C-alpha atoms as a PDB file:
ATOM      1  CA  UNK A   1       0.702   8.697  34.190  1.00  0.00           C
ATOM      2  CA  UNK A   2       2.035   5.602  35.903  1.00  0.00           C
ATOM      3  CA  UNK A   3       2.790   4.059  32.496  1.00  0.00           C
ATOM      4  CA  UNK A   4       4.829   7.218  31.511  1.00  0.00           C
ATOM      5  CA  UNK A   5       6.840   7.069  34.761  1.00  0.00           C
ATOM      6  CA  UNK A   6       7.560   3.449  34.197  1.00  0.00           C
ATOM      7  CA  UNK A   7       8.928   4.276  30.606  1.00  0.00           C
ATOM      8  CA  UNK A   8      11.063   7.051  32.056  1.00  0.00           C
ATOM      9  CA  UNK A   9      12.485   4.851  34.698  1.00  0.00           C
ATOM     10  CA  UNK A  10      13.320   2.122  32.152  1.00  0.00           C
ATOM     11  CA  UNK A  11      15.379   4.628  30.141  1.00  0.00           C
ATOM     12  CA  UNK A  12      17.050   6.024  33.219  1.00  0.00           C
ATOM     13  CA  UNK A  13      18.298   2.701  34.104  1.00  0.00           C
ATOM     14  CA  UNK A  14      19.907   2.134  30.733  1.00  0.00           C
ATOM     15  CA  UNK A  15      23.190   3.683  29.414  1.00  0.00           C
ATOM     16  CA  UNK A  16      23.214   5.196  26.049  1.00  0.00           C
ATOM     17  CA  UNK A  17      25.686   2.528  25.110  1.00  0.00           C
ATOM     18  CA  UNK A  18      23.108  -0.173  25.942  1.00  0.00           C
ATOM     19  CA  UNK A  19      20.460   1.479  23.791  1.00  0.00           C
ATOM     20  CA  UNK A  20      22.817   1.800  20.903  1.00  0.00           C
ATOM     21  CA  UNK A  21      23.552  -1.928  21.092  1.00  0.00           C
ATOM     22  CA  UNK A  22      19.981  -2.767  21.082  1.00  0.00           C
ATOM     23  CA  UNK A  23      19.404  -0.504  17.963  1.00  0.00           C
ATOM     24  CA  UNK A  24      22.320  -2.293  16.142  1.00  0.00           C
ATOM     25  CA  UNK A  25      20.750  -5.809  16.831  1.00  0.00           C
ATOM     26  CA  UNK A  26      17.459  -4.465  15.282  1.00  0.00           C
ATOM     27  CA  UNK A  27      19.155  -4.527  11.851  1.00  0.00           C
ATOM     28  CA  UNK A  28      18.954  -8.349  11.862  1.00  0.00           C
ATOM     29  CA  UNK A  29      15.171  -8.187  12.542  1.00  0.00           C
ATOM     30  CA  UNK A  30      14.868  -5.762   9.514  1.00  0.00           C
ATOM     31  CA  UNK A  31      16.925  -7.938   7.415  1.00  0.00           C
ATOM     32  CA  UNK A  32      14.825 -10.940   8.157  1.00  0.00           C
ATOM     33  CA  UNK A  33      11.628  -9.166   7.044  1.00  0.00           C
ATOM     34  CA  UNK A  34      13.249  -8.080   3.832  1.00  0.00           C
ATOM     35  CA  UNK A  35      14.576 -11.590   3.175  1.00  0.00           C
ATOM     36  CA  UNK A  36      11.234 -13.243   3.820  1.00  0.00           C
ATOM     37  CA  UNK A  37       9.395 -10.697   1.754  1.00  0.00           C
ATOM     38  CA  UNK A  38      11.697 -10.846  -1.209  1.00  0.00           C
ATOM     39  CA  UNK A  39      11.568 -14.765  -1.288  1.00  0.00           C
ATOM     40  CA  UNK A  40       7.871 -15.000  -1.099  1.00  0.00           C
ATOM     41  CA  UNK A  41       6.811 -12.053  -3.316  1.00  0.00           C
ATOM     42  CA  UNK A  42       9.437 -12.606  -6.148  1.00  0.00           C
ATOM     43  CA  UNK A  43       7.570 -15.722  -7.241  1.00  0.00           C
ATOM     44  CA  UNK A  44       4.029 -14.162  -7.382  1.00  0.00           C
ATOM     45  CA  UNK A  45       3.992 -12.388 -10.779  1.00  0.00           C
ATOM     46  CA  UNK A  46       2.225  -9.254 -11.880  1.00  0.00           C
ATOM     47  CA  UNK A  47       0.303  -7.635  -9.088  1.00  0.00           C
ATOM     48  CA  UNK A  48      -1.557  -4.392  -8.265  1.00  0.00           C
ATOM     49  CA  UNK A  49      -1.603  -2.957  -4.748  1.00  0.00           C
ATOM     50  CA  UNK A  50      -4.907  -1.613  -3.402  1.00  0.00           C
ATOM     51  CA  UNK A  51      -4.663   0.914  -0.556  1.00  0.00           C
ATOM     52  CA  UNK A  52      -7.350   2.343   1.699  1.00  0.00           C
ATOM     53  CA  UNK A  53      -8.781   2.605   5.188  1.00  0.00           C
ATOM     54  CA  UNK A  54      -9.049  -0.225   7.582  1.00  0.00           C
ATOM     55  CA  UNK A  55     -12.095   1.543   9.096  1.00  0.00           C
ATOM     56  CA  UNK A  56     -14.306   1.152   6.028  1.00  0.00           C
ATOM     57  CA  UNK A  57     -17.383  -1.020   6.927  1.00  0.00           C
ATOM     58  CA  UNK A  58     -18.414  -3.850   4.616  1.00  0.00           C
ATOM     59  CA  UNK A  59     -21.726  -2.189   3.894  1.00  0.00           C
ATOM     60  CA  UNK A  60     -19.976   0.930   2.575  1.00  0.00           C
ATOM     61  CA  UNK A  61     -20.013   1.635  -1.195  1.00  0.00           C
ATOM     62  CA  UNK A  62     -16.172   1.835  -1.396  1.00  0.00           C
ATOM     63  CA  UNK A  63     -15.930  -1.506   0.327  1.00  0.00           C
ATOM     64  CA  UNK A  64     -18.063  -3.093  -2.450  1.00  0.00           C
ATOM     65  CA  UNK A  65     -16.357  -1.082  -5.170  1.00  0.00           C
ATOM     66  CA  UNK A  66     -12.981  -2.429  -3.902  1.00  0.00           C
ATOM     67  CA  UNK A  67     -14.347  -6.055  -4.073  1.00  0.00           C
ATOM     68  CA  UNK A  68     -15.332  -5.263  -7.737  1.00  0.00           C
ATOM     69  CA  UNK A  69     -11.961  -3.773  -8.611  1.00  0.00           C
ATOM     70  CA  UNK A  70     -10.052  -6.741  -7.142  1.00  0.00           C
ATOM     71  CA  UNK A  71     -12.372  -9.165  -8.877  1.00  0.00           C
ATOM     72  CA  UNK A  72     -11.895  -7.503 -12.210  1.00  0.00           C
ATOM     73  CA  UNK A  73      -8.173  -7.404 -11.747  1.00  0.00           C
ATOM     74  CA  UNK A  74      -7.974 -11.085 -10.809  1.00  0.00           C
ATOM     75  CA  UNK A  75     -10.056 -11.959 -13.973  1.00  0.00           C
ATOM     76  CA  UNK A  76      -7.435 -10.332 -16.041  1.00  0.00           C
ATOM     77  CA  UNK A  77      -4.526 -12.192 -14.493  1.00  0.00           C
ATOM     78  CA  UNK A  78      -3.288  -9.823 -11.933  1.00  0.00           C
ATOM     79  CA  UNK A  79      -2.591 -10.686  -8.239  1.00  0.00           C
ATOM     80  CA  UNK A  80      -3.872  -8.224  -5.687  1.00  0.00           C
ATOM     81  CA  UNK A  81      -1.738  -7.004  -2.850  1.00  0.00           C
ATOM     82  CA  UNK A  82      -3.358  -5.421   0.248  1.00  0.00           C
ATOM     83  CA  UNK A  83      -2.247  -4.383   3.788  1.00  0.00           C
ATOM     84  CA  UNK A  84      -3.741  -7.576   5.042  1.00  0.00           C
ATOM     85  CA  UNK A  85      -6.120  -6.090   7.538  1.00  0.00           C
ATOM     86  CA  UNK A  86      -9.823  -5.251   7.611  1.00  0.00           C
ATOM     87  CA  UNK A  87     -11.857  -2.616   5.674  1.00  0.00           C
ATOM     88  CA  UNK A  88     -10.640  -1.757   2.263  1.00  0.00           C
ATOM     89  CA  UNK A  89      -7.788  -4.262   2.686  1.00  0.00           C
ATOM     90  CA  UNK A  90     -10.291  -7.148   3.294  1.00  0.00           C
ATOM     91  CA  UNK A  91     -12.445  -6.057   0.395  1.00  0.00           C
ATOM     92  CA  UNK A  92      -9.286  -6.166  -1.887  1.00  0.00           C
ATOM     93  CA  UNK A  93      -8.422  -9.648  -0.736  1.00  0.00           C
ATOM     94  CA  UNK A  94     -12.022 -10.782  -0.828  1.00  0.00           C
ATOM     95  CA  UNK A  95     -12.418  -9.740  -4.547  1.00  0.00           C
ATOM     96  CA  UNK A  96      -9.221 -11.541  -5.641  1.00  0.00           C
ATOM     97  CA  UNK A  97      -9.961 -14.561  -3.589  1.00  0.00           C
ATOM     98  CA  UNK A  98     -13.454 -15.059  -4.820  1.00  0.00           C
ATOM     99  CA  UNK A  99     -12.308 -14.655  -8.420  1.00  0.00           C
ATOM    100  CA  UNK A 100      -9.723 -17.311  -8.062  1.00  0.00           C
ATOM    101  CA  UNK A 101      -6.833 -14.926  -8.283  1.00  0.00           C
ATOM    102  CA  UNK A 102      -3.707 -14.475  -6.256  1.00  0.00           C
ATOM    103  CA  UNK A 103      -4.531 -12.778  -2.838  1.00  0.00           C
ATOM    104  CA  UNK A 104      -1.612 -11.262  -1.022  1.00  0.00           C
ATOM    105  CA  UNK A 105      -1.627  -9.640   2.427  1.00  0.00           C
ATOM    106  CA  UNK A 106       1.181  -7.557   3.880  1.00  0.00           C
ATOM    107  CA  UNK A 107      -0.002  -7.404   7.511  1.00  0.00           C
ATOM    108  CA  UNK A 108       1.532  -5.050  10.059  1.00  0.00           C
ATOM    109  CA  UNK A 109       1.811  -5.597  13.819  1.00  0.00           C
ATOM    110  CA  UNK A 110       0.304  -2.699  15.587  1.00  0.00           C
ATOM    111  CA  UNK A 111      -0.135  -1.773  19.365  1.00  0.00           C
ATOM    112  CA  UNK A 112      -3.921  -2.404  19.157  1.00  0.00           C
ATOM    113  CA  UNK A 113      -3.345  -5.574  16.997  1.00  0.00           C
ATOM    114  CA  UNK A 114      -4.479  -5.662  13.319  1.00  0.00           C
ATOM    115  CA  UNK A 115      -5.478  -9.197  12.633  1.00  0.00           C
ATOM    116  CA  UNK A 116      -5.180 -10.341   9.017  1.00  0.00           C
ATOM    117  CA  UNK A 117      -8.374 -11.028   7.138  1.00  0.00           C
ATOM    118  CA  UNK A 118      -9.584 -14.441   5.951  1.00  0.00           C
ATOM    119  CA  UNK A 119      -9.424 -13.855   2.297  1.00  0.00           C
ATOM    120  CA  UNK A 120      -5.595 -13.965   2.013  1.00  0.00           C
ATOM    121  CA  UNK A 121      -3.888 -17.041   0.422  1.00  0.00           C
ATOM    122  CA  UNK A 122      -2.208 -19.012   3.185  1.00  0.00           C
ATOM    123  CA  UNK A 123       1.086 -19.059   1.389  1.00  0.00           C
ATOM    124  CA  UNK A 124       0.973 -15.196   0.591  1.00  0.00           C
ATOM    125  CA  UNK A 125       0.473 -13.745   3.992  1.00  0.00           C
ATOM    126  CA  UNK A 126       3.475 -11.898   5.311  1.00  0.00           C
ATOM    127  CA  UNK A 127       3.705 -10.296   8.718  1.00  0.00           C
ATOM    128  CA  UNK A 128       5.750  -7.135   9.332  1.00  0.00           C
ATOM    129  CA  UNK A 129       6.943  -5.150  12.341  1.00  0.00           C
ATOM    130  CA  UNK A 130       8.420  -2.277  10.413  1.00  0.00           C
ATOM    131  CA  UNK A 131       6.240   0.010   8.232  1.00  0.00           C
ATOM    132  CA  UNK A 132       9.173   0.965   5.982  1.00  0.00           C
ATOM    133  CA  UNK A 133       9.969  -2.684   5.163  1.00  0.00           C
ATOM    134  CA  UNK A 134       6.358  -3.245   4.342  1.00  0.00           C
ATOM    135  CA  UNK A 135       6.160  -0.219   2.038  1.00  0.00           C
ATOM    136  CA  UNK A 136       9.229  -1.492   0.106  1.00  0.00           C
ATOM    137  CA  UNK A 137       7.264  -4.693  -0.606  1.00  0.00           C
ATOM    138  CA  UNK A 138       4.367  -2.729  -1.811  1.00  0.00           C
ATOM    139  CA  UNK A 139       6.424  -0.652  -4.120  1.00  0.00           C
ATOM    140  CA  UNK A 140       8.761  -3.303  -5.352  1.00  0.00           C
ATOM    141  CA  UNK A 141       6.216  -5.950  -6.372  1.00  0.00           C
ATOM    142  CA  UNK A 142       3.355  -3.972  -7.716  1.00  0.00           C
ATOM    143  CA  UNK A 143       2.776  -2.988 -11.317  1.00  0.00           C
ATOM    144  CA  UNK A 144       0.136  -0.504 -10.384  1.00  0.00           C
ATOM    145  CA  UNK A 145      -1.504   1.219  -7.404  1.00  0.00           C
ATOM    146  CA  UNK A 146      -5.238   1.772  -6.788  1.00  0.00           C
ATOM    147  CA  UNK A 147      -5.945   4.157  -3.904  1.00  0.00           C
ATOM    148  CA  UNK A 148      -9.349   4.075  -2.176  1.00  0.00           C
ATOM    149  CA  UNK A 149     -10.342   6.677   0.406  1.00  0.00           C
ATOM    150  CA  UNK A 150      -8.352   6.333   3.553  1.00  0.00           C
ATOM    151  CA  UNK A 151      -6.566   8.158   6.358  1.00  0.00           C
ATOM    152  CA  UNK A 152      -2.922   8.900   7.296  1.00  0.00           C
ATOM    153  CA  UNK A 153      -1.657   5.454   6.360  1.00  0.00           C
ATOM    154  CA  UNK A 154      -3.282   5.595   2.942  1.00  0.00           C
ATOM    155  CA  UNK A 155      -1.811   9.041   2.270  1.00  0.00           C
ATOM    156  CA  UNK A 156       1.663   7.766   3.286  1.00  0.00           C
ATOM    157  CA  UNK A 157       1.363   4.853   0.803  1.00  0.00           C
ATOM    158  CA  UNK A 158       0.072   7.078  -2.006  1.00  0.00           C
ATOM    159  CA  UNK A 159       2.607   9.853  -1.732  1.00  0.00           C
ATOM    160  CA  UNK A 160       5.401   7.214  -1.381  1.00  0.00           C
ATOM    161  CA  UNK A 161       4.388   5.836  -4.769  1.00  0.00           C
ATOM    162  CA  UNK A 162       4.163   9.216  -6.336  1.00  0.00           C
ATOM    163  CA  UNK A 163       7.508  10.424  -4.948  1.00  0.00           C
ATOM    164  CA  UNK A 164       9.364   7.225  -6.113  1.00  0.00           C
ATOM    165  CA  UNK A 165       7.969   7.565  -9.635  1.00  0.00           C
ATOM    166  CA  UNK A 166       8.394  11.328  -9.757  1.00  0.00           C
ATOM    167  CA  UNK A 167      12.081  10.911  -8.771  1.00  0.00           C
ATOM    168  CA  UNK A 168      12.769   7.973 -11.052  1.00  0.00           C
ATOM    169  CA  UNK A 169      13.475   5.515  -8.288  1.00  0.00           C
ATOM    170  CA  UNK A 170      10.830   3.083  -9.811  1.00  0.00           C
ATOM    171  CA  UNK A 171       9.386   2.841 -13.208  1.00  0.00           C
ATOM    172  CA  UNK A 172       6.428   4.908 -14.475  1.00  0.00           C
ATOM    173  CA  UNK A 173       3.485   2.750 -13.022  1.00  0.00           C
ATOM    174  CA  UNK A 174      -0.172   3.813 -13.057  1.00  0.00           C
ATOM    175  CA  UNK A 175      -1.624   5.338  -9.952  1.00  0.00           C
ATOM    176  CA  UNK A 176      -5.549   5.414  -9.789  1.00  0.00           C
ATOM    177  CA  UNK A 177      -7.443   7.424  -7.236  1.00  0.00           C
ATOM    178  CA  UNK A 178     -10.925   6.141  -6.744  1.00  0.00           C
ATOM    179  CA  UNK A 179     -13.645   8.514  -5.542  1.00  0.00           C
ATOM    180  CA  UNK A 180     -13.564  12.100  -6.912  1.00  0.00           C
ATOM    181  CA  UNK A 181     -15.760  13.312  -4.033  1.00  0.00           C
ATOM    182  CA  UNK A 182     -12.978  12.279  -1.620  1.00  0.00           C
ATOM    183  CA  UNK A 183      -9.835  13.149  -3.554  1.00  0.00           C
ATOM    184  CA  UNK A 184     -10.770  16.244  -5.505  1.00  0.00           C
ATOM    185  CA  UNK A 185     -10.282  18.772  -2.746  1.00  0.00           C
ATOM    186  CA  UNK A 186      -6.789  17.486  -1.838  1.00  0.00           C
ATOM    187  CA  UNK A 187      -5.549  17.409  -5.404  1.00  0.00           C
ATOM    188  CA  UNK A 188      -7.107  20.856  -6.166  1.00  0.00           C
ATOM    189  CA  UNK A 189      -4.871  22.041  -3.386  1.00  0.00           C
ATOM    190  CA  UNK A 190      -1.948  20.159  -4.925  1.00  0.00           C
ATOM    191  CA  UNK A 191      -2.496  21.904  -8.151  1.00  0.00           C
ATOM    192  CA  UNK A 192      -3.368  25.452  -6.848  1.00  0.00           C
ATOM    193  CA  UNK A 193      -0.785  25.622  -4.038  1.00  0.00           C
ATOM    194  CA  UNK A 194       2.083  23.192  -4.764  1.00  0.00           C
ATOM    195  CA  UNK A 195       2.058  23.798  -8.504  1.00  0.00           C
ATOM    196  CA  UNK A 196       1.651  27.515  -8.308  1.00  0.00           C
ATOM    197  CA  UNK A 197       4.584  27.747  -5.900  1.00  0.00           C
ATOM    198  CA  UNK A 198       6.763  25.761  -8.383  1.00  0.00           C
ATOM    199  CA  UNK A 199       7.194  22.953  -5.844  1.00  0.00           C
ATOM    200  CA  UNK A 200       6.028  20.347  -8.498  1.00  0.00           C
ATOM    201  CA  UNK A 201       5.855  20.619 -12.243  1.00  0.00           C
ATOM    202  CA  UNK A 202       2.878  20.317 -14.680  1.00  0.00           C
ATOM    203  CA  UNK A 203       4.061  16.914 -15.729  1.00  0.00           C
ATOM    204  CA  UNK A 204       3.783  15.618 -12.128  1.00  0.00           C
ATOM    205  CA  UNK A 205      -0.047  16.128 -12.362  1.00  0.00           C
ATOM    206  CA  UNK A 206      -0.029  13.262 -15.049  1.00  0.00           C
ATOM    207  CA  UNK A 207       1.379  10.832 -12.394  1.00  0.00           C
ATOM    208  CA  UNK A 208      -2.176   9.869 -11.142  1.00  0.00           C
ATOM    209  CA  UNK A 209      -5.731   9.414 -12.599  1.00  0.00           C
ATOM    210  CA  UNK A 210      -8.909  10.088 -10.727  1.00  0.00           C
ATOM    211  CA  UNK A 211     -11.976   7.874 -11.461  1.00  0.00           C
ATOM    212  CA  UNK A 212     -15.344   6.996 -10.007  1.00  0.00           C
ATOM    213  CA  UNK A 213     -16.135   3.381 -10.979  1.00  0.00           C
ATOM    214  CA  UNK A 214     -14.419   0.043 -10.652  1.00  0.00           C
ATOM    215  CA  UNK A 215     -14.439  -0.469 -14.403  1.00  0.00           C
ATOM    216  CA  UNK A 216     -12.684   2.799 -15.038  1.00  0.00           C
ATOM    217  CA  UNK A 217     -10.053   2.039 -12.351  1.00  0.00           C
ATOM    218  CA  UNK A 218      -9.219  -1.302 -13.795  1.00  0.00           C
ATOM    219  CA  UNK A 219      -9.397  -0.087 -17.456  1.00  0.00           C
ATOM    220  CA  UNK A 220      -6.620   2.548 -16.759  1.00  0.00           C
ATOM    221  CA  UNK A 221      -4.413  -0.209 -15.542  1.00  0.00           C
ATOM    222  CA  UNK A 222      -5.109  -2.292 -18.517  1.00  0.00           C
ATOM    223  CA  UNK A 223      -4.702   0.438 -21.088  1.00  0.00           C
ATOM    224  CA  UNK A 224      -1.349   1.366 -19.522  1.00  0.00           C
ATOM    225  CA  UNK A 225      -0.131  -2.126 -20.101  1.00  0.00           C
ATOM    226  CA  UNK A 226      -1.289  -2.262 -23.678  1.00  0.00           C
ATOM    227  CA  UNK A 227       1.734  -0.056 -24.300  1.00  0.00           C
ATOM    228  CA  UNK A 228       4.250  -1.276 -21.788  1.00  0.00           C
ATOM    229  CA  UNK A 229       5.521  -4.706 -20.773  1.00  0.00           C
ATOM    230  CA  UNK A 230       5.293  -5.796 -17.212  1.00  0.00           C
ATOM    231  CA  UNK A 231       8.454  -5.756 -15.372  1.00  0.00           C
ATOM    232  CA  UNK A 232       9.699  -5.649 -11.689  1.00  0.00           C
ATOM    233  CA  UNK A 233       9.734  -2.106 -10.177  1.00  0.00           C
ATOM    234  CA  UNK A 234      13.547  -2.114  -9.324  1.00  0.00           C
END
């Protein structure tokens, strides 16, 4: 309660004009994150982003499956982009690193501090304060998205990718959901409720693929690019 009172007093002592000025200056912080991200990631080449929970322990089957997916992608010449933290993110970077591939981490500063994992290439670690800037980097510099089981953050990243593809804001890039047991209930609801109410079209159901093995996840990415040339997202 004391903390809440302190926050209230700090706002009470500021005029709305002071708050607006501070908001304006934040634009430069945002710009600096965009510039740093664009300069570093533009040189990396074809990459696949892997999303998933930071809470997945290293003994979990999805952790090891993520290591396998990242390793297979790296062996095929793709860089791997993760959120830079622990859990699935660590597994993604670990697989790419151990296979000698490009291992990229887009770490985010959080109140409880998310420390970047040790498998990220030193020159490919970026630190972000703003989630929306970080998501732009994921979307702009990936040629595919592999989504492991996760929480709200994973859902945010998944539906960001689906929405941008659905609305034509980025190209038609493959989205792979790994773990039928985890994703089926959600996407059954998408089909039965969203589709039946005409909030999406039947074609939108083709924007993603659900698989259960590392090999199938990577194979979907590879088969997609047997037909299409790799190119930046926008």
